[in-house]
Amino acid sequence: MIMKNIILNVFYLEVISKMVNWRSNPNWERANGSYR
């Protein structure tokens, strides 16, 4: 259970950081056009 929660937390942090980068970095969006 605890292990699962840690993995989920890491996954959510990863997604949030990606969204923040995508919002503040238009070049990143162009480089990864298939992200959407």
PDB file of N, CA and C in Angstrom:
ATOM      1  N   MET A   1       0.841  -1.216   0.000  1.00  0.00           N
ATOM      2  CA  MET A   1       0.000   0.000   0.000  1.00  0.00           C
ATOM      3  C   MET A   1       0.870   1.258   0.000  1.00  0.00           C
ATOM      4  N   ILE A   2       1.804   1.312   0.947  1.00  0.00           N
ATOM      5  CA  ILE A   2       2.651   2.515   1.044  1.00  0.00           C
ATOM      6  C   ILE A   2       3.462   2.681  -0.237  1.00  0.00           C
ATOM      7  N   MET A   3       3.994   1.564  -0.730  1.00  0.00           N
ATOM      8  CA  MET A   3       4.798   1.614  -1.952  1.00  0.00           C
ATOM      9  C   MET A   3       3.959   2.165  -3.103  1.00  0.00           C
ATOM     10  N   LYS A   4       2.720   1.702  -3.195  1.00  0.00           N
ATOM     11  CA  LYS A   4       1.833   2.148  -4.263  1.00  0.00           C
ATOM     12  C   LYS A   4       1.607   3.656  -4.163  1.00  0.00           C
ATOM     13  N   ASN A   5       1.394   4.158  -2.954  1.00  0.00           N
ATOM     14  CA  ASN A   5       1.166   5.594  -2.766  1.00  0.00           C
ATOM     15  C   ASN A   5       2.384   6.397  -3.191  1.00  0.00           C
ATOM     16  N   ILE A   6       3.574   5.897  -2.868  1.00  0.00           N
ATOM     17  CA  ILE A   6       4.795   6.617  -3.248  1.00  0.00           C
ATOM     18  C   ILE A   6       4.890   6.696  -4.769  1.00  0.00           C
ATOM     19  N   ILE A   7       4.608   5.579  -5.438  1.00  0.00           N
ATOM     20  CA  ILE A   7       4.690   5.563  -6.906  1.00  0.00           C
ATOM     21  C   ILE A   7       3.677   6.538  -7.493  1.00  0.00           C
ATOM     22  N   LEU A   8       2.460   6.543  -6.945  1.00  0.00           N
ATOM     23  CA  LEU A   8       1.435   7.461  -7.454  1.00  0.00           C
ATOM     24  C   LEU A   8       1.849   8.908  -7.236  1.00  0.00           C
ATOM     25  N   ASN A   9       2.409   9.206  -6.066  1.00  0.00           N
ATOM     26  CA  ASN A   9       2.842  10.576  -5.783  1.00  0.00           C
ATOM     27  C   ASN A   9       3.915  11.018  -6.763  1.00  0.00           C
ATOM     28  N   VAL A  10       4.880  10.147  -7.028  1.00  0.00           N
ATOM     29  CA  VAL A  10       5.949  10.478  -7.980  1.00  0.00           C
ATOM     30  C   VAL A  10       5.350  10.721  -9.358  1.00  0.00           C
ATOM     31  N   PHE A  11       4.398   9.872  -9.749  1.00  0.00           N
ATOM     32  CA  PHE A  11       3.765  10.006 -11.060  1.00  0.00           C
ATOM     33  C   PHE A  11       3.039  11.345 -11.179  1.00  0.00           C
ATOM     34  N   TYR A  12       2.288  11.709 -10.146  1.00  0.00           N
ATOM     35  CA  TYR A  12       1.560  12.980 -10.183  1.00  0.00           C
ATOM     36  C   TYR A  12       2.518  14.160 -10.207  1.00  0.00           C
ATOM     37  N   LEU A  13       3.599  14.091  -9.431  1.00  0.00           N
ATOM     38  CA  LEU A  13       4.586  15.181  -9.446  1.00  0.00           C
ATOM     39  C   LEU A  13       5.178  15.329 -10.841  1.00  0.00           C
ATOM     40  N   GLU A  14       5.446  14.200 -11.486  1.00  0.00           N
ATOM     41  CA  GLU A  14       6.011  14.205 -12.836  1.00  0.00           C
ATOM     42  C   GLU A  14       5.050  14.889 -13.807  1.00  0.00           C
ATOM     43  N   VAL A  15       3.769  14.521 -13.730  1.00  0.00           N
ATOM     44  CA  VAL A  15       2.768  15.097 -14.636  1.00  0.00           C
ATOM     45  C   VAL A  15       2.627  16.597 -14.388  1.00  0.00           C
ATOM     46  N   ILE A  16       2.565  16.995 -13.120  1.00  0.00           N
ATOM     47  CA  ILE A  16       2.406  18.420 -12.790  1.00  0.00           C
ATOM     48  C   ILE A  16       3.604  19.213 -13.295  1.00  0.00           C
ATOM     49  N   SER A  17       4.807  18.683 -13.084  1.00  0.00           N
ATOM     50  CA  SER A  17       6.005  19.409 -13.538  1.00  0.00           C
ATOM     51  C   SER A  17       6.008  19.510 -15.060  1.00  0.00           C
ATOM     52  N   LYS A  18       5.520  18.478 -15.741  1.00  0.00           N
ATOM     53  CA  LYS A  18       5.449  18.530 -17.206  1.00  0.00           C
ATOM     54  C   LYS A  18       4.472  19.616 -17.644  1.00  0.00           C
ATOM     55  N   MET A  19       3.322  19.688 -16.985  1.00  0.00           N
ATOM     56  CA  MET A  19       2.327  20.702 -17.344  1.00  0.00           C
ATOM     57  C   MET A  19       2.886  22.098 -17.100  1.00  0.00           C
ATOM     58  N   VAL A  20       3.592  22.288 -16.003  1.00  0.00           N
ATOM     59  CA  VAL A  20       4.179  23.601 -15.706  1.00  0.00           C
ATOM     60  C   VAL A  20       5.200  23.962 -16.779  1.00  0.00           C
ATOM     61  N   ASN A  21       6.047  23.007 -17.148  1.00  0.00           N
ATOM     62  CA  ASN A  21       7.041  23.264 -18.188  1.00  0.00           C
ATOM     63  C   ASN A  21       6.356  23.590 -19.510  1.00  0.00           C
ATOM     64  N   TRP A  22       5.285  22.854 -19.814  1.00  0.00           N
ATOM     65  CA  TRP A  22       4.571  23.041 -21.078  1.00  0.00           C
ATOM     66  C   TRP A  22       3.939  24.436 -21.135  1.00  0.00           C
ATOM     67  N   ARG A  23       3.436  24.914 -19.976  1.00  0.00           N
ATOM     68  CA  ARG A  23       2.809  26.238 -19.943  1.00  0.00           C
ATOM     69  C   ARG A  23       3.852  27.332 -20.098  1.00  0.00           C
ATOM     70  N   SER A  24       5.017  27.170 -19.458  1.00  0.00           N
ATOM     71  CA  SER A  24       6.002  28.249 -19.414  1.00  0.00           C
ATOM     72  C   SER A  24       7.045  28.114 -20.518  1.00  0.00           C
ATOM     73  N   ASN A  25       6.969  27.060 -21.329  1.00  0.00           N
ATOM     74  CA  ASN A  25       8.006  26.831 -22.333  1.00  0.00           C
ATOM     75  C   ASN A  25       7.374  26.413 -23.664  1.00  0.00           C
ATOM     76  N   PRO A  26       7.037  27.369 -24.524  1.00  0.00           N
ATOM     77  CA  PRO A  26       6.406  27.038 -25.816  1.00  0.00           C
ATOM     78  C   PRO A  26       7.296  26.173 -26.700  1.00  0.00           C
ATOM     79  N   ASN A  27       8.623  26.338 -26.591  1.00  0.00           N
ATOM     80  CA  ASN A  27       9.522  25.516 -27.406  1.00  0.00           C
ATOM     81  C   ASN A  27       9.385  24.046 -27.043  1.00  0.00           C
ATOM     82  N   TRP A  28       9.164  23.773 -25.751  1.00  0.00           N
ATOM     83  CA  TRP A  28       9.002  22.395 -25.290  1.00  0.00           C
ATOM     84  C   TRP A  28       7.775  21.767 -25.961  1.00  0.00           C
ATOM     85  N   GLU A  29       6.721  22.559 -26.103  1.00  0.00           N
ATOM     86  CA  GLU A  29       5.503  22.048 -26.726  1.00  0.00           C
ATOM     87  C   GLU A  29       5.774  21.717 -28.188  1.00  0.00           C
ATOM     88  N   ARG A  30       6.515  22.567 -28.879  1.00  0.00           N
ATOM     89  CA  ARG A  30       6.806  22.326 -30.291  1.00  0.00           C
ATOM     90  C   ARG A  30       7.678  21.076 -30.451  1.00  0.00           C
ATOM     91  N   ALA A  31       8.624  20.902 -29.525  1.00  0.00           N
ATOM     92  CA  ALA A  31       9.516  19.742 -29.616  1.00  0.00           C
ATOM     93  C   ALA A  31       8.737  18.443 -29.384  1.00  0.00           C
ATOM     94  N   ASN A  32       7.714  18.512 -28.533  1.00  0.00           N
ATOM     95  CA  ASN A  32       6.914  17.316 -28.231  1.00  0.00           C
ATOM     96  C   ASN A  32       5.472  17.537 -28.686  1.00  0.00           C
ATOM     97  N   GLY A  33       5.289  17.624 -29.985  1.00  0.00           N
ATOM     98  CA  GLY A  33       3.957  17.898 -30.511  1.00  0.00           C
ATOM     99  C   GLY A  33       2.984  16.759 -30.259  1.00  0.00           C
ATOM    100  N   SER A  34       3.505  15.554 -30.067  1.00  0.00           N
ATOM    101  CA  SER A  34       2.631  14.398 -29.878  1.00  0.00           C
ATOM    102  C   SER A  34       2.196  14.259 -28.425  1.00  0.00           C
ATOM    103  N   TYR A  35       2.588  15.208 -27.577  1.00  0.00           N
ATOM    104  CA  TYR A  35       2.248  15.090 -26.145  1.00  0.00           C
ATOM    105  C   TYR A  35       0.744  15.188 -25.930  1.00  0.00           C
ATOM    106  N   ARG A  36       0.063  16.067 -26.708  1.00  0.00           N
ATOM    107  CA  ARG A  36      -1.377  16.260 -26.496  1.00  0.00           C
ATOM    108  C   ARG A  36      -2.151  15.053 -27.012  1.00  0.00           C
TER     109      ARG A  36
END
